Amino acid sequence: MRLRVHQLAAEEVYRDMARVPEEYRLDREGKRIPEAKICEVLVEAKSKLLILRGRQGCYEPIICVDEKTRDSLGIKEKSDYEFQLLPVGFLREFAWAWNATDPTYWIPARLAIISFSLSVLSLVLGIVGLVVAFAN
């Protein structure tokens, strides 16, 4: 779909997000993408994982992104581009959080993987301990 690029509000900069009015937040099949869904945003052969949010009271075909996102996608403010919004699965959602600019996203993601890794290690060591104990 064709959307005009606008700047995000100052308090939303560096949040790895885009604001798109609900009626334009559609996937390839024309289905509505729920607010707060992480999607791959494709434009002119470049892509970026962004969390999509709505834009209250706006009924125009626009997408609001910060300067960092515009630079990575190679787009300019107040210009129109053909965008594709592709919802992603769990692993890509986790990749978005892991690589997010905002520490409130990447710190919990990294702590989660460390905690999960330590849990797996503990499980393995516990099983090895049981096997050794029963072998004697």
N, C-alpha and C. Protein backbone atom coordinates (compact mmCIF):
# COMPACT_ATOMS: atom_id res chain seq x y z
N MET A 1 0.83 -1.18 0.00
CA MET A 1 0.00 0.00 0.00
C MET A 1 0.87 1.24 0.00
N ARG A 2 0.37 2.28 -0.54
CA ARG A 2 1.12 3.53 -0.66
C ARG A 2 0.85 4.40 0.57
N LEU A 3 1.93 4.76 1.27
CA LEU A 3 1.82 5.57 2.48
C LEU A 3 2.78 6.75 2.40
N ARG A 4 2.39 7.86 2.99
CA ARG A 4 3.25 9.05 3.10
C ARG A 4 4.01 8.99 4.42
N VAL A 5 5.29 9.29 4.37
CA VAL A 5 6.17 9.19 5.54
C VAL A 5 6.11 10.48 6.35
N HIS A 6 5.92 10.32 7.68
CA HIS A 6 5.92 11.44 8.62
C HIS A 6 6.85 11.13 9.79
N GLN A 7 7.19 12.15 10.54
CA GLN A 7 8.05 12.02 11.72
C GLN A 7 7.22 11.55 12.91
N LEU A 8 7.79 10.68 13.73
CA LEU A 8 7.17 10.27 15.00
C LEU A 8 7.25 11.41 16.00
N ALA A 9 6.40 11.36 17.00
CA ALA A 9 6.47 12.33 18.10
C ALA A 9 7.80 12.15 18.83
N ALA A 10 8.32 13.21 19.41
CA ALA A 10 9.65 13.21 20.05
C ALA A 10 9.77 12.13 21.12
N GLU A 11 8.72 11.88 21.89
CA GLU A 11 8.81 10.88 22.97
C GLU A 11 8.80 9.44 22.44
N GLU A 12 8.57 9.25 21.14
CA GLU A 12 8.54 7.90 20.57
C GLU A 12 9.77 7.58 19.72
N VAL A 13 10.72 8.50 19.67
CA VAL A 13 11.94 8.28 18.89
C VAL A 13 12.79 7.22 19.58
N TYR A 14 13.49 6.42 18.80
CA TYR A 14 14.34 5.32 19.27
C TYR A 14 13.55 4.23 19.98
N ARG A 15 12.35 3.95 19.51
CA ARG A 15 11.52 2.89 20.09
C ARG A 15 11.30 1.75 19.11
N ASP A 16 11.91 1.81 17.94
CA ASP A 16 11.77 0.76 16.91
C ASP A 16 10.30 0.50 16.61
N MET A 17 9.59 1.57 16.34
CA MET A 17 8.15 1.46 16.09
C MET A 17 7.74 2.32 14.91
N ALA A 18 6.54 2.05 14.43
CA ALA A 18 5.91 2.85 13.38
C ALA A 18 4.46 3.05 13.78
N ARG A 19 3.93 4.19 13.46
CA ARG A 19 2.50 4.47 13.68
C ARG A 19 1.81 4.50 12.32
N VAL A 20 0.79 3.64 12.20
CA VAL A 20 0.01 3.54 10.96
C VAL A 20 -1.46 3.50 11.37
N PRO A 21 -2.31 4.35 10.79
CA PRO A 21 -3.74 4.29 11.12
C PRO A 21 -4.30 2.89 10.86
N GLU A 22 -5.25 2.49 11.68
CA GLU A 22 -5.80 1.13 11.66
C GLU A 22 -6.25 0.69 10.27
N GLU A 23 -6.92 1.55 9.53
CA GLU A 23 -7.45 1.14 8.22
C GLU A 23 -6.36 0.90 7.18
N TYR A 24 -5.12 1.31 7.47
CA TYR A 24 -4.00 1.08 6.56
C TYR A 24 -3.00 0.05 7.11
N ARG A 25 -3.26 -0.45 8.28
CA ARG A 25 -2.40 -1.46 8.91
C ARG A 25 -2.88 -2.84 8.44
N LEU A 26 -2.54 -3.18 7.18
CA LEU A 26 -3.03 -4.39 6.54
C LEU A 26 -1.87 -5.25 6.05
N ASP A 27 -2.05 -6.59 6.12
CA ASP A 27 -1.02 -7.49 5.58
C ASP A 27 -1.24 -7.68 4.08
N ARG A 28 -0.49 -8.59 3.48
CA ARG A 28 -0.57 -8.82 2.02
C ARG A 28 -1.95 -9.26 1.56
N GLU A 29 -2.66 -9.97 2.44
CA GLU A 29 -3.99 -10.47 2.09
C GLU A 29 -5.10 -9.50 2.42
N GLY A 30 -4.76 -8.32 2.90
CA GLY A 30 -5.76 -7.32 3.24
C GLY A 30 -6.35 -7.47 4.62
N LYS A 31 -5.79 -8.37 5.45
CA LYS A 31 -6.29 -8.55 6.81
C LYS A 31 -5.67 -7.49 7.72
N ARG A 32 -6.47 -7.04 8.68
CA ARG A 32 -5.98 -6.04 9.64
C ARG A 32 -4.89 -6.63 10.53
N ILE A 33 -3.85 -5.85 10.74
CA ILE A 33 -2.78 -6.23 11.65
C ILE A 33 -3.09 -5.59 12.99
N PRO A 34 -3.18 -6.37 14.07
CA PRO A 34 -3.51 -5.78 15.37
C PRO A 34 -2.42 -4.82 15.84
N GLU A 35 -2.85 -3.84 16.61
CA GLU A 35 -1.92 -2.89 17.19
C GLU A 35 -0.93 -3.62 18.11
N ALA A 36 0.29 -3.15 18.15
CA ALA A 36 1.39 -3.69 18.96
C ALA A 36 1.94 -4.99 18.39
N LYS A 37 1.65 -5.31 17.15
CA LYS A 37 2.21 -6.49 16.48
C LYS A 37 3.54 -6.11 15.85
N ILE A 38 4.51 -6.98 15.98
CA ILE A 38 5.81 -6.74 15.35
C ILE A 38 5.74 -7.25 13.92
N CYS A 39 6.15 -6.39 12.99
CA CYS A 39 6.08 -6.72 11.58
C CYS A 39 7.38 -6.38 10.88
N GLU A 40 7.61 -7.07 9.78
CA GLU A 40 8.68 -6.69 8.89
C GLU A 40 8.10 -5.64 7.95
N VAL A 41 8.67 -4.46 7.97
CA VAL A 41 8.21 -3.37 7.12
C VAL A 41 9.15 -3.33 5.92
N LEU A 42 8.58 -3.58 4.73
CA LEU A 42 9.36 -3.62 3.50
C LEU A 42 9.05 -2.39 2.65
N VAL A 43 10.11 -1.78 2.14
CA VAL A 43 9.95 -0.65 1.23
C VAL A 43 11.21 -0.57 0.36
N GLU A 44 10.99 -0.53 -0.94
CA GLU A 44 12.08 -0.41 -1.91
C GLU A 44 13.22 -1.40 -1.64
N ALA A 45 12.91 -2.66 -1.49
CA ALA A 45 13.88 -3.76 -1.31
C ALA A 45 14.65 -3.68 0.01
N LYS A 46 14.25 -2.83 0.92
CA LYS A 46 14.86 -2.79 2.26
C LYS A 46 13.78 -3.14 3.27
N SER A 47 14.22 -3.68 4.41
CA SER A 47 13.25 -4.05 5.43
C SER A 47 13.78 -3.78 6.82
N LYS A 48 12.85 -3.67 7.76
CA LYS A 48 13.20 -3.45 9.16
C LYS A 48 12.07 -4.01 10.01
N LEU A 49 12.43 -4.63 11.14
CA LEU A 49 11.43 -5.10 12.08
C LEU A 49 10.99 -3.94 12.95
N LEU A 50 9.70 -3.68 12.99
CA LEU A 50 9.13 -2.59 13.77
C LEU A 50 7.87 -3.05 14.46
N ILE A 51 7.59 -2.47 15.61
CA ILE A 51 6.31 -2.71 16.26
C ILE A 51 5.33 -1.69 15.69
N LEU A 52 4.15 -2.14 15.28
CA LEU A 52 3.17 -1.25 14.68
C LEU A 52 2.16 -0.80 15.72
N ARG A 53 1.93 0.47 15.75
CA ARG A 53 0.94 1.08 16.64
C ARG A 53 -0.03 1.89 15.78
N GLY A 54 -1.16 2.23 16.38
CA GLY A 54 -2.15 3.02 15.67
C GLY A 54 -1.87 4.50 15.74
N ARG A 55 -2.77 5.26 15.15
CA ARG A 55 -2.67 6.72 15.18
C ARG A 55 -4.09 7.26 15.32
N GLN A 56 -4.42 7.65 16.56
CA GLN A 56 -5.78 8.11 16.87
C GLN A 56 -6.17 9.35 16.07
N GLY A 57 -7.38 9.35 15.57
CA GLY A 57 -7.93 10.52 14.89
C GLY A 57 -7.34 10.80 13.52
N CYS A 58 -6.55 9.89 13.00
CA CYS A 58 -5.93 10.09 11.68
C CYS A 58 -6.52 9.07 10.72
N TYR A 59 -6.99 9.54 9.58
CA TYR A 59 -7.60 8.65 8.59
C TYR A 59 -6.90 8.75 7.25
N GLU A 60 -5.69 9.29 7.26
CA GLU A 60 -4.91 9.45 6.04
C GLU A 60 -3.94 8.27 5.89
N PRO A 61 -3.54 7.95 4.66
CA PRO A 61 -2.58 6.87 4.44
C PRO A 61 -1.15 7.33 4.77
N ILE A 62 -0.78 7.26 6.06
CA ILE A 62 0.55 7.71 6.48
C ILE A 62 1.22 6.64 7.33
N ILE A 63 2.53 6.79 7.43
CA ILE A 63 3.33 5.97 8.36
C ILE A 63 4.29 6.93 9.05
N CYS A 64 4.28 6.89 10.37
CA CYS A 64 5.15 7.77 11.15
C CYS A 64 6.31 6.94 11.69
N VAL A 65 7.53 7.34 11.35
CA VAL A 65 8.74 6.66 11.82
C VAL A 65 9.79 7.70 12.18
N ASP A 66 10.76 7.29 12.99
CA ASP A 66 11.81 8.24 13.37
C ASP A 66 12.91 8.29 12.30
N GLU A 67 13.85 9.21 12.51
CA GLU A 67 14.91 9.43 11.53
C GLU A 67 15.81 8.20 11.36
N LYS A 68 16.11 7.52 12.45
CA LYS A 68 16.95 6.32 12.39
C LYS A 68 16.31 5.27 11.49
N THR A 69 15.01 5.08 11.62
CA THR A 69 14.30 4.11 10.79
C THR A 69 14.26 4.56 9.34
N ARG A 70 13.99 5.85 9.11
CA ARG A 70 13.97 6.36 7.74
C ARG A 70 15.33 6.15 7.07
N ASP A 71 16.39 6.42 7.80
CA ASP A 71 17.74 6.23 7.23
C ASP A 71 18.00 4.77 6.89
N SER A 72 17.61 3.85 7.78
CA SER A 72 17.88 2.43 7.52
C SER A 72 17.02 1.89 6.36
N LEU A 73 15.85 2.49 6.14
CA LEU A 73 15.00 2.06 5.03
C LEU A 73 15.25 2.85 3.75
N GLY A 74 16.05 3.91 3.85
CA GLY A 74 16.36 4.72 2.68
C GLY A 74 15.17 5.52 2.18
N ILE A 75 14.35 6.02 3.11
CA ILE A 75 13.17 6.80 2.73
C ILE A 75 13.28 8.21 3.29
N LYS A 76 12.50 9.12 2.72
CA LYS A 76 12.54 10.52 3.14
C LYS A 76 11.17 10.96 3.66
N GLU A 77 11.21 11.86 4.64
CA GLU A 77 9.98 12.40 5.21
C GLU A 77 9.21 13.18 4.14
N LYS A 78 7.87 13.12 4.24
CA LYS A 78 6.93 13.80 3.35
C LYS A 78 6.97 13.28 1.92
N SER A 79 7.44 12.04 1.77
CA SER A 79 7.43 11.38 0.46
C SER A 79 6.55 10.15 0.54
N ASP A 80 6.01 9.73 -0.59
CA ASP A 80 5.15 8.55 -0.66
C ASP A 80 5.94 7.35 -1.16
N TYR A 81 5.69 6.19 -0.53
CA TYR A 81 6.35 4.95 -0.91
C TYR A 81 5.35 3.81 -0.84
N GLU A 82 5.67 2.74 -1.56
CA GLU A 82 4.87 1.53 -1.51
C GLU A 82 5.42 0.64 -0.39
N PHE A 83 4.63 0.41 0.65
CA PHE A 83 5.03 -0.37 1.81
C PHE A 83 4.34 -1.71 1.82
N GLN A 84 5.03 -2.72 2.38
CA GLN A 84 4.41 -4.00 2.70
C GLN A 84 4.63 -4.24 4.19
N LEU A 85 3.59 -4.65 4.88
CA LEU A 85 3.64 -4.93 6.31
C LEU A 85 3.42 -6.43 6.50
N LEU A 86 4.46 -7.11 6.99
CA LEU A 86 4.39 -8.57 7.13
C LEU A 86 4.53 -8.97 8.59
N PRO A 87 3.45 -9.44 9.24
CA PRO A 87 3.55 -9.91 10.62
C PRO A 87 4.57 -11.04 10.71
N VAL A 88 5.31 -11.08 11.81
CA VAL A 88 6.36 -12.09 11.98
C VAL A 88 5.99 -13.03 13.13
N GLY A 89 6.69 -14.16 13.19
CA GLY A 89 6.46 -15.15 14.23
C GLY A 89 7.30 -14.90 15.47
N PHE A 90 7.23 -15.85 16.39
CA PHE A 90 7.87 -15.71 17.70
C PHE A 90 9.37 -15.44 17.61
N LEU A 91 10.09 -16.19 16.79
CA LEU A 91 11.54 -16.02 16.72
C LEU A 91 11.93 -14.64 16.19
N ARG A 92 11.22 -14.15 15.21
CA ARG A 92 11.52 -12.81 14.68
C ARG A 92 11.09 -11.73 15.68
N GLU A 93 10.03 -11.99 16.44
CA GLU A 93 9.65 -11.05 17.51
C GLU A 93 10.76 -10.97 18.55
N PHE A 94 11.31 -12.14 18.89
CA PHE A 94 12.41 -12.17 19.84
C PHE A 94 13.64 -11.46 19.27
N ALA A 95 13.91 -11.65 17.97
CA ALA A 95 15.03 -10.96 17.32
C ALA A 95 14.82 -9.45 17.37
N TRP A 96 13.57 -9.00 17.20
CA TRP A 96 13.28 -7.57 17.29
C TRP A 96 13.65 -7.05 18.69
N ALA A 97 13.21 -7.77 19.71
CA ALA A 97 13.50 -7.33 21.09
C ALA A 97 15.00 -7.39 21.38
N TRP A 98 15.67 -8.43 20.92
CA TRP A 98 17.10 -8.60 21.17
C TRP A 98 17.90 -7.43 20.57
N ASN A 99 17.50 -6.98 19.38
CA ASN A 99 18.24 -5.94 18.66
C ASN A 99 17.63 -4.55 18.80
N ALA A 100 16.65 -4.39 19.66
CA ALA A 100 15.95 -3.11 19.80
C ALA A 100 16.89 -2.00 20.26
N THR A 101 16.57 -0.80 19.87
CA THR A 101 17.33 0.38 20.28
C THR A 101 17.04 0.73 21.73
N ASP A 102 15.80 0.59 22.14
CA ASP A 102 15.36 0.95 23.49
C ASP A 102 15.75 -0.14 24.49
N PRO A 103 16.52 0.20 25.54
CA PRO A 103 16.94 -0.82 26.51
C PRO A 103 15.78 -1.49 27.25
N THR A 104 14.61 -0.85 27.30
CA THR A 104 13.48 -1.50 27.97
C THR A 104 13.00 -2.72 27.20
N TYR A 105 13.41 -2.88 25.96
CA TYR A 105 13.09 -4.08 25.18
C TYR A 105 14.25 -5.07 25.19
N TRP A 106 15.49 -4.60 24.93
CA TRP A 106 16.59 -5.56 24.77
C TRP A 106 17.11 -6.12 26.07
N ILE A 107 17.05 -5.38 27.17
CA ILE A 107 17.54 -5.92 28.44
C ILE A 107 16.71 -7.13 28.88
N PRO A 108 15.37 -7.06 28.93
CA PRO A 108 14.60 -8.26 29.30
C PRO A 108 14.80 -9.43 28.33
N ALA A 109 14.94 -9.13 27.04
CA ALA A 109 15.15 -10.21 26.06
C ALA A 109 16.46 -10.93 26.34
N ARG A 110 17.49 -10.18 26.62
CA ARG A 110 18.80 -10.80 26.89
C ARG A 110 18.81 -11.53 28.23
N LEU A 111 18.14 -10.97 29.23
CA LEU A 111 18.04 -11.66 30.52
C LEU A 111 17.26 -12.97 30.36
N ALA A 112 16.25 -12.96 29.53
CA ALA A 112 15.45 -14.16 29.30
C ALA A 112 16.30 -15.27 28.68
N ILE A 113 17.11 -14.95 27.70
CA ILE A 113 17.92 -15.98 27.05
C ILE A 113 19.00 -16.49 28.00
N ILE A 114 19.56 -15.61 28.82
CA ILE A 114 20.55 -16.04 29.82
C ILE A 114 19.87 -16.97 30.84
N SER A 115 18.69 -16.59 31.32
CA SER A 115 17.95 -17.42 32.28
C SER A 115 17.59 -18.77 31.67
N PHE A 116 17.14 -18.77 30.44
CA PHE A 116 16.79 -20.02 29.77
C PHE A 116 18.02 -20.91 29.61
N SER A 117 19.14 -20.31 29.21
CA SER A 117 20.38 -21.08 29.03
C SER A 117 20.84 -21.69 30.35
N LEU A 118 20.77 -20.92 31.43
CA LEU A 118 21.16 -21.45 32.74
C LEU A 118 20.22 -22.57 33.20
N SER A 119 18.94 -22.44 32.87
CA SER A 119 17.97 -23.50 33.21
C SER A 119 18.29 -24.79 32.47
N VAL A 120 18.60 -24.68 31.20
CA VAL A 120 18.95 -25.86 30.41
C VAL A 120 20.23 -26.49 30.95
N LEU A 121 21.22 -25.66 31.26
CA LEU A 121 22.47 -26.17 31.83
C LEU A 121 22.21 -26.89 33.15
N SER A 122 21.37 -26.31 34.01
CA SER A 122 21.03 -26.96 35.29
C SER A 122 20.33 -28.29 35.08
N LEU A 123 19.43 -28.32 34.12
CA LEU A 123 18.72 -29.57 33.80
C LEU A 123 19.70 -30.64 33.34
N VAL A 124 20.59 -30.28 32.45
CA VAL A 124 21.58 -31.23 31.93
C VAL A 124 22.47 -31.74 33.07
N LEU A 125 22.96 -30.83 33.91
CA LEU A 125 23.82 -31.23 35.03
C LEU A 125 23.06 -32.12 36.02
N GLY A 126 21.79 -31.83 36.25
CA GLY A 126 20.97 -32.67 37.12
C GLY A 126 20.79 -34.06 36.56
N ILE A 127 20.55 -34.17 35.26
CA ILE A 127 20.40 -35.48 34.64
C ILE A 127 21.71 -36.25 34.69
N VAL A 128 22.84 -35.57 34.40
CA VAL A 128 24.16 -36.23 34.49
C VAL A 128 24.40 -36.73 35.91
N GLY A 129 24.07 -35.92 36.92
CA GLY A 129 24.22 -36.32 38.31
C GLY A 129 23.40 -37.54 38.65
N LEU A 130 22.17 -37.61 38.16
CA LEU A 130 21.31 -38.77 38.40
C LEU A 130 21.86 -40.02 37.71
N VAL A 131 22.32 -39.86 36.49
CA VAL A 131 22.86 -41.00 35.76
C VAL A 131 24.10 -41.55 36.47
N VAL A 132 24.97 -40.67 36.93
CA VAL A 132 26.18 -41.08 37.65
C VAL A 132 25.81 -41.76 38.97
N ALA A 133 24.83 -41.21 39.69
CA ALA A 133 24.42 -41.79 40.97
C ALA A 133 23.83 -43.18 40.80
N PHE A 134 23.02 -43.36 39.77
CA PHE A 134 22.40 -44.68 39.55
C PHE A 134 23.36 -45.67 38.92
N ALA A 135 24.40 -45.17 38.26
CA ALA A 135 25.39 -46.07 37.65
C ALA A 135 26.28 -46.70 38.71
N ASN A 136 26.44 -46.05 39.86
CA ASN A 136 27.31 -46.59 40.92
C ASN A 136 26.52 -47.50 41.77
